[in-house]
Amino acid sequence: MLIIDGKKTATSIRQEIQCQVAVLAQRHGRAPGLAVVLVGDNPASHVYVRNKEAACREVGFVSRVFRLPDDIPQERLETIIGELNNDPAMDGILLQLPLPQGLDSQKCLDLIRPDKDVDGFHPVNMGRLVLGLPCLRSCTPAGIMTLLQRYNIGVAGKKAVIIGRSNIVGKPLGLMLLQENATVSICHSKTKDLGAETRRADLLVAAVGIPRLVTADMVKPGAVVIDVGINRTDVGLVGDCDFDGLRAVASAMTPVPGGVGPMTIAQLLVNTVEAYVRHMAL
């Protein structure tokens, strides 16, 4: 079985961006800027933000992190987002989710300017994705598409099955695969006989957050499996797929950790450069 190494691929992408940023900063007089808004004390969120900060430093971005208390009023959070929208040095704004209870995540996401929405969550960017128009794309699904491309795994004419219908992964990934001429099915908690659906897949994507949900008997021999799940268990991090069990069945698979996760941050950097280039052209 081929291991689809997201960590190695993400390292290559960061190196490419580092070279690109050096040229762009010299040409335009400043480097790309990314603002991260972190509210509260969620341990996982703090880890993610530190990783994003490190990636920004590595490629030469200007990075600003706003660490805010969990009791911040909604109005104050909205004001900070508005100020970042108007800051010409910040090309991208990332609101780290989830927000503490009592704060309206969607309202805050809607306030981010679409051209600075490097997470790709704004309704305008989602709508443009539906229409097949250029946009800032959601980082995790776009990172998955890059992995497939760099490993020369074609999807045109293939049957793709996605487990999970979230706005962050399942829905946008389905649209991206459709644009590349895959035949796409999206499964969820109400799907009857999940195994019958997944066994039809040439490409199976698990993004549901249930440890080792996908077992060998649910996978078509020779299928490519993308495991988006990151689940903390007593034995450490595991994915949504039984990695060891699938070794004898799948032709290629992403590991957990080291698969999709690093690509999400790499795509965030790609989106920030894209936003920066557009801003410099205005």
C-alpha atoms as a PDB file:
ATOM      1  CA  MET A   1       0.000   0.000   0.000  1.00  0.00           C
ATOM      2  CA  LEU A   2       1.235   3.466  -0.921  1.00  0.00           C
ATOM      3  CA  ILE A   3       1.454   5.888   1.999  1.00  0.00           C
ATOM      4  CA  ILE A   4       0.269   9.328   0.902  1.00  0.00           C
ATOM      5  CA  ASP A   5       2.654  11.458   2.921  1.00  0.00           C
ATOM      6  CA  GLY A   6       1.027  14.784   3.716  1.00  0.00           C
ATOM      7  CA  LYS A   7       3.857  15.882   5.966  1.00  0.00           C
ATOM      8  CA  LYS A   8       6.450  15.502   3.206  1.00  0.00           C
ATOM      9  CA  THR A   9       4.198  17.172   0.636  1.00  0.00           C
ATOM     10  CA  ALA A  10       3.425  20.070   2.964  1.00  0.00           C
ATOM     11  CA  THR A  11       7.160  20.597   3.561  1.00  0.00           C
ATOM     12  CA  SER A  12       7.702  20.889  -0.193  1.00  0.00           C
ATOM     13  CA  ILE A  13       4.850  23.390  -0.489  1.00  0.00           C
ATOM     14  CA  ARG A  14       6.228  25.527   2.340  1.00  0.00           C
ATOM     15  CA  GLN A  15       9.622  25.592   0.654  1.00  0.00           C
ATOM     16  CA  GLU A  16       8.013  26.703  -2.601  1.00  0.00           C
ATOM     17  CA  ILE A  17       6.077  29.439  -0.802  1.00  0.00           C
ATOM     18  CA  GLN A  18       9.187  30.616   1.032  1.00  0.00           C
ATOM     19  CA  CYS A  19      10.934  31.215  -2.304  1.00  0.00           C
ATOM     20  CA  GLN A  20       7.834  32.862  -3.743  1.00  0.00           C
ATOM     21  CA  VAL A  21       7.433  35.191  -0.752  1.00  0.00           C
ATOM     22  CA  ALA A  22      11.053  36.334  -0.943  1.00  0.00           C
ATOM     23  CA  VAL A  23      10.493  37.487  -4.525  1.00  0.00           C
ATOM     24  CA  LEU A  24       7.087  39.040  -3.855  1.00  0.00           C
ATOM     25  CA  ALA A  25       8.232  40.941  -0.755  1.00  0.00           C
ATOM     26  CA  GLN A  26      11.117  42.473  -2.683  1.00  0.00           C
ATOM     27  CA  ARG A  27       8.812  43.421  -5.538  1.00  0.00           C
ATOM     28  CA  HIS A  28       6.005  44.939  -3.452  1.00  0.00           C
ATOM     29  CA  GLY A  29       7.832  46.213  -0.392  1.00  0.00           C
ATOM     30  CA  ARG A  30       6.111  43.982   2.126  1.00  0.00           C
ATOM     31  CA  ALA A  31       5.470  40.317   2.852  1.00  0.00           C
ATOM     32  CA  PRO A  32       2.019  38.702   3.026  1.00  0.00           C
ATOM     33  CA  GLY A  33       0.250  39.281   6.347  1.00  0.00           C
ATOM     34  CA  LEU A  34      -1.962  36.815   8.204  1.00  0.00           C
ATOM     35  CA  ALA A  35      -4.029  37.683  11.271  1.00  0.00           C
ATOM     36  CA  VAL A  36      -5.245  34.870  13.538  1.00  0.00           C
ATOM     37  CA  VAL A  37      -7.989  35.526  16.081  1.00  0.00           C
ATOM     38  CA  LEU A  38      -7.965  33.032  18.961  1.00  0.00           C
ATOM     39  CA  VAL A  39     -10.683  33.271  21.617  1.00  0.00           C
ATOM     40  CA  GLY A  40     -10.605  31.320  24.864  1.00  0.00           C
ATOM     41  CA  ASP A  41      -8.458  28.496  26.226  1.00  0.00           C
ATOM     42  CA  ASN A  42      -9.279  25.494  24.032  1.00  0.00           C
ATOM     43  CA  PRO A  43      -6.042  23.430  24.215  1.00  0.00           C
ATOM     44  CA  ALA A  44      -6.373  21.996  20.704  1.00  0.00           C
ATOM     45  CA  SER A  45      -6.960  25.469  19.269  1.00  0.00           C
ATOM     46  CA  HIS A  46      -3.830  26.786  20.982  1.00  0.00           C
ATOM     47  CA  VAL A  47      -1.781  23.940  19.470  1.00  0.00           C
ATOM     48  CA  TYR A  48      -3.180  24.622  16.004  1.00  0.00           C
ATOM     49  CA  VAL A  49      -2.457  28.341  16.284  1.00  0.00           C
ATOM     50  CA  ARG A  50       1.129  27.730  17.421  1.00  0.00           C
ATOM     51  CA  ASN A  51       1.642  25.470  14.416  1.00  0.00           C
ATOM     52  CA  LYS A  52       0.234  28.147  12.128  1.00  0.00           C
ATOM     53  CA  GLU A  53       2.494  30.786  13.689  1.00  0.00           C
ATOM     54  CA  ALA A  54       5.535  28.568  13.130  1.00  0.00           C
ATOM     55  CA  ALA A  55       4.551  27.947   9.502  1.00  0.00           C
ATOM     56  CA  CYS A  56       4.122  31.678   8.901  1.00  0.00           C
ATOM     57  CA  ARG A  57       7.564  32.432  10.331  1.00  0.00           C
ATOM     58  CA  GLU A  58       9.118  29.697   8.230  1.00  0.00           C
ATOM     59  CA  VAL A  59       7.825  31.081   4.922  1.00  0.00           C
ATOM     60  CA  GLY A  60       8.411  34.751   5.779  1.00  0.00           C
ATOM     61  CA  PHE A  61       4.880  35.986   6.433  1.00  0.00           C
ATOM     62  CA  VAL A  62       3.986  38.773   8.834  1.00  0.00           C
ATOM     63  CA  SER A  63       1.871  37.009  11.438  1.00  0.00           C
ATOM     64  CA  ARG A  64      -0.296  38.632  14.106  1.00  0.00           C
ATOM     65  CA  VAL A  65      -2.156  36.559  16.687  1.00  0.00           C
ATOM     66  CA  PHE A  66      -4.931  38.095  18.764  1.00  0.00           C
ATOM     67  CA  ARG A  67      -5.392  35.987  21.904  1.00  0.00           C
ATOM     68  CA  LEU A  68      -8.668  37.046  23.431  1.00  0.00           C
ATOM     69  CA  PRO A  69     -10.460  35.995  26.661  1.00  0.00           C
ATOM     70  CA  ASP A  70     -13.399  33.625  26.449  1.00  0.00           C
ATOM     71  CA  ASP A  71     -15.681  36.234  28.000  1.00  0.00           C
ATOM     72  CA  ILE A  72     -15.075  38.796  25.252  1.00  0.00           C
ATOM     73  CA  PRO A  73     -18.378  40.399  24.185  1.00  0.00           C
ATOM     74  CA  GLN A  74     -19.662  39.579  20.709  1.00  0.00           C
ATOM     75  CA  GLU A  75     -19.573  43.260  19.798  1.00  0.00           C
ATOM     76  CA  ARG A  76     -15.883  43.602  20.712  1.00  0.00           C
ATOM     77  CA  LEU A  77     -14.962  40.536  18.672  1.00  0.00           C
ATOM     78  CA  GLU A  78     -16.853  41.941  15.697  1.00  0.00           C
ATOM     79  CA  THR A  79     -15.018  45.260  16.109  1.00  0.00           C
ATOM     80  CA  ILE A  80     -11.626  43.501  15.985  1.00  0.00           C
ATOM     81  CA  ILE A  81     -12.624  41.678  12.803  1.00  0.00           C
ATOM     82  CA  GLY A  82     -13.742  44.976  11.282  1.00  0.00           C
ATOM     83  CA  GLU A  83     -10.403  46.582  12.134  1.00  0.00           C
ATOM     84  CA  LEU A  84      -8.537  43.713  10.498  1.00  0.00           C
ATOM     85  CA  ASN A  85     -10.741  44.010   7.409  1.00  0.00           C
ATOM     86  CA  ASN A  86      -9.466  47.586   7.072  1.00  0.00           C
ATOM     87  CA  ASP A  87      -5.808  46.823   7.843  1.00  0.00           C
ATOM     88  CA  PRO A  88      -3.896  46.968   4.535  1.00  0.00           C
ATOM     89  CA  ALA A  89      -0.992  44.952   5.994  1.00  0.00           C
ATOM     90  CA  MET A  90      -3.202  41.945   6.727  1.00  0.00           C
ATOM     91  CA  ASP A  91      -4.109  39.955   3.624  1.00  0.00           C
ATOM     92  CA  GLY A  92      -5.772  37.091   5.450  1.00  0.00           C
ATOM     93  CA  ILE A  93      -7.949  36.762   8.549  1.00  0.00           C
ATOM     94  CA  LEU A  94      -8.411  33.438  10.292  1.00  0.00           C
ATOM     95  CA  LEU A  95     -10.933  33.032  13.093  1.00  0.00           C
ATOM     96  CA  GLN A  96      -9.919  29.920  15.023  1.00  0.00           C
ATOM     97  CA  LEU A  97     -12.912  27.677  15.678  1.00  0.00           C
ATOM     98  CA  PRO A  98     -14.674  26.614  17.797  1.00  0.00           C
ATOM     99  CA  LEU A  99     -15.527  29.811  19.618  1.00  0.00           C
ATOM    100  CA  PRO A 100     -16.515  29.694  23.300  1.00  0.00           C
ATOM    101  CA  GLN A 101     -20.182  29.201  24.105  1.00  0.00           C
ATOM    102  CA  GLY A 102     -22.224  32.362  23.773  1.00  0.00           C
ATOM    103  CA  LEU A 103     -20.399  33.742  20.728  1.00  0.00           C
ATOM    104  CA  ASP A 104     -21.968  33.613  17.268  1.00  0.00           C
ATOM    105  CA  SER A 105     -19.389  31.926  15.023  1.00  0.00           C
ATOM    106  CA  GLN A 106     -21.317  32.287  11.783  1.00  0.00           C
ATOM    107  CA  LYS A 107     -21.964  35.989  12.325  1.00  0.00           C
ATOM    108  CA  CYS A 108     -18.248  36.545  12.876  1.00  0.00           C
ATOM    109  CA  LEU A 109     -17.291  34.498   9.819  1.00  0.00           C
ATOM    110  CA  ASP A 110     -19.782  36.447   7.719  1.00  0.00           C
ATOM    111  CA  LEU A 111     -18.095  39.704   8.784  1.00  0.00           C
ATOM    112  CA  ILE A 112     -14.692  38.714   7.391  1.00  0.00           C
ATOM    113  CA  ARG A 113     -14.116  40.248   3.977  1.00  0.00           C
ATOM    114  CA  PRO A 114     -14.375  37.474   1.367  1.00  0.00           C
ATOM    115  CA  ASP A 115     -11.050  38.510  -0.177  1.00  0.00           C
ATOM    116  CA  LYS A 116      -9.395  38.044   3.257  1.00  0.00           C
ATOM    117  CA  ASP A 117     -11.258  34.843   4.131  1.00  0.00           C
ATOM    118  CA  VAL A 118      -8.269  32.503   3.884  1.00  0.00           C
ATOM    119  CA  ASP A 119     -10.217  29.699   5.594  1.00  0.00           C
ATOM    120  CA  GLY A 120     -12.680  29.723   2.699  1.00  0.00           C
ATOM    121  CA  PHE A 121     -15.729  29.709   4.985  1.00  0.00           C
ATOM    122  CA  HIS A 122     -17.462  32.924   3.900  1.00  0.00           C
ATOM    123  CA  PRO A 123     -20.788  32.412   2.065  1.00  0.00           C
ATOM    124  CA  VAL A 124     -19.423  34.346  -0.907  1.00  0.00           C
ATOM    125  CA  ASN A 125     -16.461  31.987  -1.274  1.00  0.00           C
ATOM    126  CA  MET A 126     -18.653  28.942  -0.711  1.00  0.00           C
ATOM    127  CA  GLY A 127     -21.104  30.243  -3.291  1.00  0.00           C
ATOM    128  CA  ARG A 128     -18.364  30.861  -5.844  1.00  0.00           C
ATOM    129  CA  LEU A 129     -17.112  27.328  -5.222  1.00  0.00           C
ATOM    130  CA  VAL A 130     -20.597  25.981  -6.012  1.00  0.00           C
ATOM    131  CA  LEU A 131     -20.589  27.951  -9.275  1.00  0.00           C
ATOM    132  CA  GLY A 132     -17.063  26.861 -10.189  1.00  0.00           C
ATOM    133  CA  LEU A 133     -15.726  30.423 -10.014  1.00  0.00           C
ATOM    134  CA  PRO A 134     -12.294  31.462  -8.665  1.00  0.00           C
ATOM    135  CA  CYS A 135     -12.335  31.823  -4.890  1.00  0.00           C
ATOM    136  CA  LEU A 136     -10.427  31.191  -1.694  1.00  0.00           C
ATOM    137  CA  ARG A 137     -11.129  27.503  -1.075  1.00  0.00           C
ATOM    138  CA  SER A 138     -11.597  25.715   2.233  1.00  0.00           C
ATOM    139  CA  CYS A 139      -8.169  24.610   3.411  1.00  0.00           C
ATOM    140  CA  THR A 140      -8.669  20.946   4.298  1.00  0.00           C
ATOM    141  CA  PRO A 141     -10.500  19.876   1.114  1.00  0.00           C
ATOM    142  CA  ALA A 142      -8.221  21.977  -1.068  1.00  0.00           C
ATOM    143  CA  GLY A 143      -5.242  20.358   0.655  1.00  0.00           C
ATOM    144  CA  ILE A 144      -6.696  16.926  -0.106  1.00  0.00           C
ATOM    145  CA  MET A 145      -7.054  17.850  -3.774  1.00  0.00           C
ATOM    146  CA  THR A 146      -3.419  18.971  -3.837  1.00  0.00           C
ATOM    147  CA  LEU A 147      -2.323  15.668  -2.276  1.00  0.00           C
ATOM    148  CA  LEU A 148      -4.182  13.717  -4.949  1.00  0.00           C
ATOM    149  CA  GLN A 149      -2.664  15.847  -7.703  1.00  0.00           C
ATOM    150  CA  ARG A 150       0.887  15.578  -6.403  1.00  0.00           C
ATOM    151  CA  TYR A 151       0.581  11.803  -6.102  1.00  0.00           C
ATOM    152  CA  ASN A 152      -0.873  11.624  -9.628  1.00  0.00           C
ATOM    153  CA  ILE A 153      -4.103  10.095  -8.365  1.00  0.00           C
ATOM    154  CA  GLY A 154      -6.674  11.010 -10.978  1.00  0.00           C
ATOM    155  CA  VAL A 155     -10.334  11.265 -10.018  1.00  0.00           C
ATOM    156  CA  ALA A 156     -12.014  11.879 -13.377  1.00  0.00           C
ATOM    157  CA  GLY A 157     -14.575   9.174 -14.010  1.00  0.00           C
ATOM    158  CA  LYS A 158     -13.970   7.630 -10.578  1.00  0.00           C
ATOM    159  CA  LYS A 159     -16.569   6.957  -7.895  1.00  0.00           C
ATOM    160  CA  ALA A 160     -15.802   9.092  -4.841  1.00  0.00           C
ATOM    161  CA  VAL A 161     -17.586   8.527  -1.529  1.00  0.00           C
ATOM    162  CA  ILE A 162     -17.256  11.020   1.325  1.00  0.00           C
ATOM    163  CA  ILE A 163     -18.314  10.136   4.859  1.00  0.00           C
ATOM    164  CA  GLY A 164     -19.278  13.424   6.503  1.00  0.00           C
ATOM    165  CA  ARG A 165     -21.284  16.402   5.275  1.00  0.00           C
ATOM    166  CA  SER A 166     -19.727  19.285   7.212  1.00  0.00           C
ATOM    167  CA  ASN A 167     -19.338  22.737   5.693  1.00  0.00           C
ATOM    168  CA  ILE A 168     -15.620  22.524   6.509  1.00  0.00           C
ATOM    169  CA  VAL A 169     -14.741  19.286   4.687  1.00  0.00           C
ATOM    170  CA  GLY A 170     -17.520  17.119   3.272  1.00  0.00           C
ATOM    171  CA  LYS A 171     -19.580  19.581   1.250  1.00  0.00           C
ATOM    172  CA  PRO A 172     -16.719  21.658  -0.258  1.00  0.00           C
ATOM    173  CA  LEU A 173     -14.676  18.536  -1.020  1.00  0.00           C
ATOM    174  CA  GLY A 174     -17.644  17.064  -2.853  1.00  0.00           C
ATOM    175  CA  LEU A 175     -17.820  20.183  -5.017  1.00  0.00           C
ATOM    176  CA  MET A 176     -14.081  20.132  -5.739  1.00  0.00           C
ATOM    177  CA  LEU A 177     -14.212  16.478  -6.758  1.00  0.00           C
ATOM    178  CA  LEU A 178     -17.206  17.175  -9.001  1.00  0.00           C
ATOM    179  CA  GLN A 179     -15.222  19.919 -10.716  1.00  0.00           C
ATOM    180  CA  GLU A 180     -12.554  17.305 -11.466  1.00  0.00           C
ATOM    181  CA  ASN A 181     -15.212  15.026 -13.007  1.00  0.00           C
ATOM    182  CA  ALA A 182     -15.560  12.475 -10.227  1.00  0.00           C
ATOM    183  CA  THR A 183     -18.941  10.938  -9.472  1.00  0.00           C
ATOM    184  CA  VAL A 184     -19.581  11.913  -5.870  1.00  0.00           C
ATOM    185  CA  SER A 185     -21.716  10.520  -3.049  1.00  0.00           C
ATOM    186  CA  ILE A 186     -21.808  12.085   0.414  1.00  0.00           C
ATOM    187  CA  CYS A 187     -22.770   9.836   3.319  1.00  0.00           C
ATOM    188  CA  HIS A 188     -23.832  10.843   6.810  1.00  0.00           C
ATOM    189  CA  SER A 189     -25.473   9.624  10.002  1.00  0.00           C
ATOM    190  CA  LYS A 190     -28.779   8.920   8.233  1.00  0.00           C
ATOM    191  CA  THR A 191     -27.221   6.900   5.412  1.00  0.00           C
ATOM    192  CA  LYS A 192     -28.618   3.373   5.297  1.00  0.00           C
ATOM    193  CA  ASP A 193     -26.036   0.573   4.995  1.00  0.00           C
ATOM    194  CA  LEU A 194     -22.910   2.725   5.016  1.00  0.00           C
ATOM    195  CA  GLY A 195     -20.718  -0.224   4.057  1.00  0.00           C
ATOM    196  CA  ALA A 196     -22.676  -0.816   0.879  1.00  0.00           C
ATOM    197  CA  GLU A 197     -21.964   2.767  -0.157  1.00  0.00           C
ATOM    198  CA  THR A 198     -18.277   2.787   0.773  1.00  0.00           C
ATOM    199  CA  ARG A 199     -17.559  -0.519  -0.990  1.00  0.00           C
ATOM    200  CA  ARG A 200     -18.469   1.176  -4.275  1.00  0.00           C
ATOM    201  CA  ALA A 201     -15.801   3.848  -3.859  1.00  0.00           C
ATOM    202  CA  ASP A 202     -12.637   4.144  -5.941  1.00  0.00           C
ATOM    203  CA  LEU A 203     -11.809   7.068  -3.659  1.00  0.00           C
ATOM    204  CA  LEU A 204     -13.051   6.965  -0.071  1.00  0.00           C
ATOM    205  CA  VAL A 205     -12.774  10.003   2.211  1.00  0.00           C
ATOM    206  CA  ALA A 206     -13.567   9.617   5.923  1.00  0.00           C
ATOM    207  CA  ALA A 207     -14.267  12.904   7.697  1.00  0.00           C
ATOM    208  CA  VAL A 208     -16.706  12.131  10.477  1.00  0.00           C
ATOM    209  CA  GLY A 209     -14.697  12.082  13.729  1.00  0.00           C
ATOM    210  CA  ILE A 210     -15.369   8.500  14.826  1.00  0.00           C
ATOM    211  CA  PRO A 211     -12.224   6.487  15.669  1.00  0.00           C
ATOM    212  CA  ARG A 212     -11.592   3.580  13.281  1.00  0.00           C
ATOM    213  CA  LEU A 213     -15.098   3.705  11.857  1.00  0.00           C
ATOM    214  CA  VAL A 214     -13.954   2.427   8.467  1.00  0.00           C
ATOM    215  CA  THR A 215     -12.830  -1.198   8.560  1.00  0.00           C
ATOM    216  CA  ALA A 216     -11.368  -3.420   5.858  1.00  0.00           C
ATOM    217  CA  ASP A 217     -14.715  -4.999   4.964  1.00  0.00           C
ATOM    218  CA  MET A 218     -16.052  -1.529   4.067  1.00  0.00           C
ATOM    219  CA  VAL A 219     -13.397  -0.804   1.450  1.00  0.00           C
ATOM    220  CA  LYS A 220     -13.245  -1.848  -2.188  1.00  0.00           C
ATOM    221  CA  PRO A 221      -9.955  -3.640  -2.995  1.00  0.00           C
ATOM    222  CA  GLY A 222      -7.578  -1.181  -4.616  1.00  0.00           C
ATOM    223  CA  ALA A 223      -9.406   1.928  -3.413  1.00  0.00           C
ATOM    224  CA  VAL A 224      -7.600   5.114  -2.405  1.00  0.00           C
ATOM    225  CA  VAL A 225      -8.478   6.120   1.166  1.00  0.00           C
ATOM    226  CA  ILE A 226      -8.156   9.639   2.576  1.00  0.00           C
ATOM    227  CA  ASP A 227      -8.501   9.756   6.361  1.00  0.00           C
ATOM    228  CA  VAL A 228      -9.378  13.230   7.621  1.00  0.00           C
ATOM    229  CA  GLY A 229     -10.188  12.168  11.182  1.00  0.00           C
ATOM    230  CA  ILE A 230      -7.971  13.114  14.110  1.00  0.00           C
ATOM    231  CA  ASN A 231      -9.286  11.413  17.233  1.00  0.00           C
ATOM    232  CA  ARG A 232      -7.576  11.465  20.625  1.00  0.00           C
ATOM    233  CA  THR A 233      -7.782   8.055  22.298  1.00  0.00           C
ATOM    234  CA  ASP A 234      -6.068   6.204  25.122  1.00  0.00           C
ATOM    235  CA  VAL A 235      -3.545   4.859  22.603  1.00  0.00           C
ATOM    236  CA  GLY A 236      -2.852   8.237  21.017  1.00  0.00           C
ATOM    237  CA  LEU A 237      -4.091   9.897  17.831  1.00  0.00           C
ATOM    238  CA  VAL A 238      -6.047   7.680  15.455  1.00  0.00           C
ATOM    239  CA  GLY A 239      -8.025   8.396  12.339  1.00  0.00           C
ATOM    240  CA  ASP A 240     -11.529   7.534  11.200  1.00  0.00           C
ATOM    241  CA  CYS A 241     -10.089   4.460   9.453  1.00  0.00           C
ATOM    242  CA  ASP A 242      -8.529   1.282  10.788  1.00  0.00           C
ATOM    243  CA  PHE A 243      -5.149   1.977   9.209  1.00  0.00           C
ATOM    244  CA  ASP A 244      -3.564  -1.407   9.936  1.00  0.00           C
ATOM    245  CA  GLY A 245      -6.648  -3.299   8.830  1.00  0.00           C
ATOM    246  CA  LEU A 246      -6.823  -1.407   5.535  1.00  0.00           C
ATOM    247  CA  ARG A 247      -3.203  -2.071   4.573  1.00  0.00           C
ATOM    248  CA  ALA A 248      -4.126  -5.279   2.755  1.00  0.00           C
ATOM    249  CA  VAL A 249      -7.085  -3.723   0.944  1.00  0.00           C
ATOM    250  CA  ALA A 250      -6.394  -0.105  -0.046  1.00  0.00           C
ATOM    251  CA  SER A 251      -3.942   0.774  -2.818  1.00  0.00           C
ATOM    252  CA  ALA A 252      -3.036   4.095  -1.163  1.00  0.00           C
ATOM    253  CA  MET A 253      -3.915   5.828   2.087  1.00  0.00           C
ATOM    254  CA  THR A 254      -3.111   8.854   4.219  1.00  0.00           C
ATOM    255  CA  PRO A 255      -1.777   8.156   7.735  1.00  0.00           C
ATOM    256  CA  VAL A 256      -2.918   9.796  10.965  1.00  0.00           C
ATOM    257  CA  PRO A 257      -1.036  11.819  11.985  1.00  0.00           C
ATOM    258  CA  GLY A 258       1.053  13.031   9.046  1.00  0.00           C
ATOM    259  CA  GLY A 259      -1.564  12.859   6.317  1.00  0.00           C
ATOM    260  CA  VAL A 260      -4.232  15.487   5.770  1.00  0.00           C
ATOM    261  CA  GLY A 261      -3.407  17.624   8.840  1.00  0.00           C
ATOM    262  CA  PRO A 262      -0.164  19.192   7.557  1.00  0.00           C
ATOM    263  CA  MET A 263      -1.832  19.910   4.215  1.00  0.00           C
ATOM    264  CA  THR A 264      -4.492  22.040   5.896  1.00  0.00           C
ATOM    265  CA  ILE A 265      -1.860  24.473   7.173  1.00  0.00           C
ATOM    266  CA  ALA A 266       0.002  24.364   3.855  1.00  0.00           C
ATOM    267  CA  GLN A 267      -3.190  25.351   2.039  1.00  0.00           C
ATOM    268  CA  LEU A 268      -3.740  28.191   4.503  1.00  0.00           C
ATOM    269  CA  LEU A 269      -0.368  29.566   3.401  1.00  0.00           C
ATOM    270  CA  VAL A 270      -1.287  29.086  -0.260  1.00  0.00           C
ATOM    271  CA  ASN A 271      -4.567  30.959   0.273  1.00  0.00           C
ATOM    272  CA  THR A 272      -2.791  33.815   2.060  1.00  0.00           C
ATOM    273  CA  VAL A 273      -0.350  34.253  -0.820  1.00  0.00           C
ATOM    274  CA  GLU A 274      -3.283  34.193  -3.256  1.00  0.00           C
ATOM    275  CA  ALA A 275      -5.096  36.885  -1.271  1.00  0.00           C
ATOM    276  CA  TYR A 276      -1.892  38.954  -1.066  1.00  0.00           C
ATOM    277  CA  VAL A 277      -1.297  38.759  -4.828  1.00  0.00           C
ATOM    278  CA  ARG A 278      -4.854  39.918  -5.508  1.00  0.00           C
ATOM    279  CA  HIS A 279      -4.480  42.818  -3.075  1.00  0.00           C
ATOM    280  CA  MET A 280      -1.202  43.905  -4.638  1.00  0.00           C
ATOM    281  CA  ALA A 281      -2.852  43.945  -8.065  1.00  0.00           C
ATOM    282  CA  LEU A 282      -5.603  46.348  -6.940  1.00  0.00           C
END
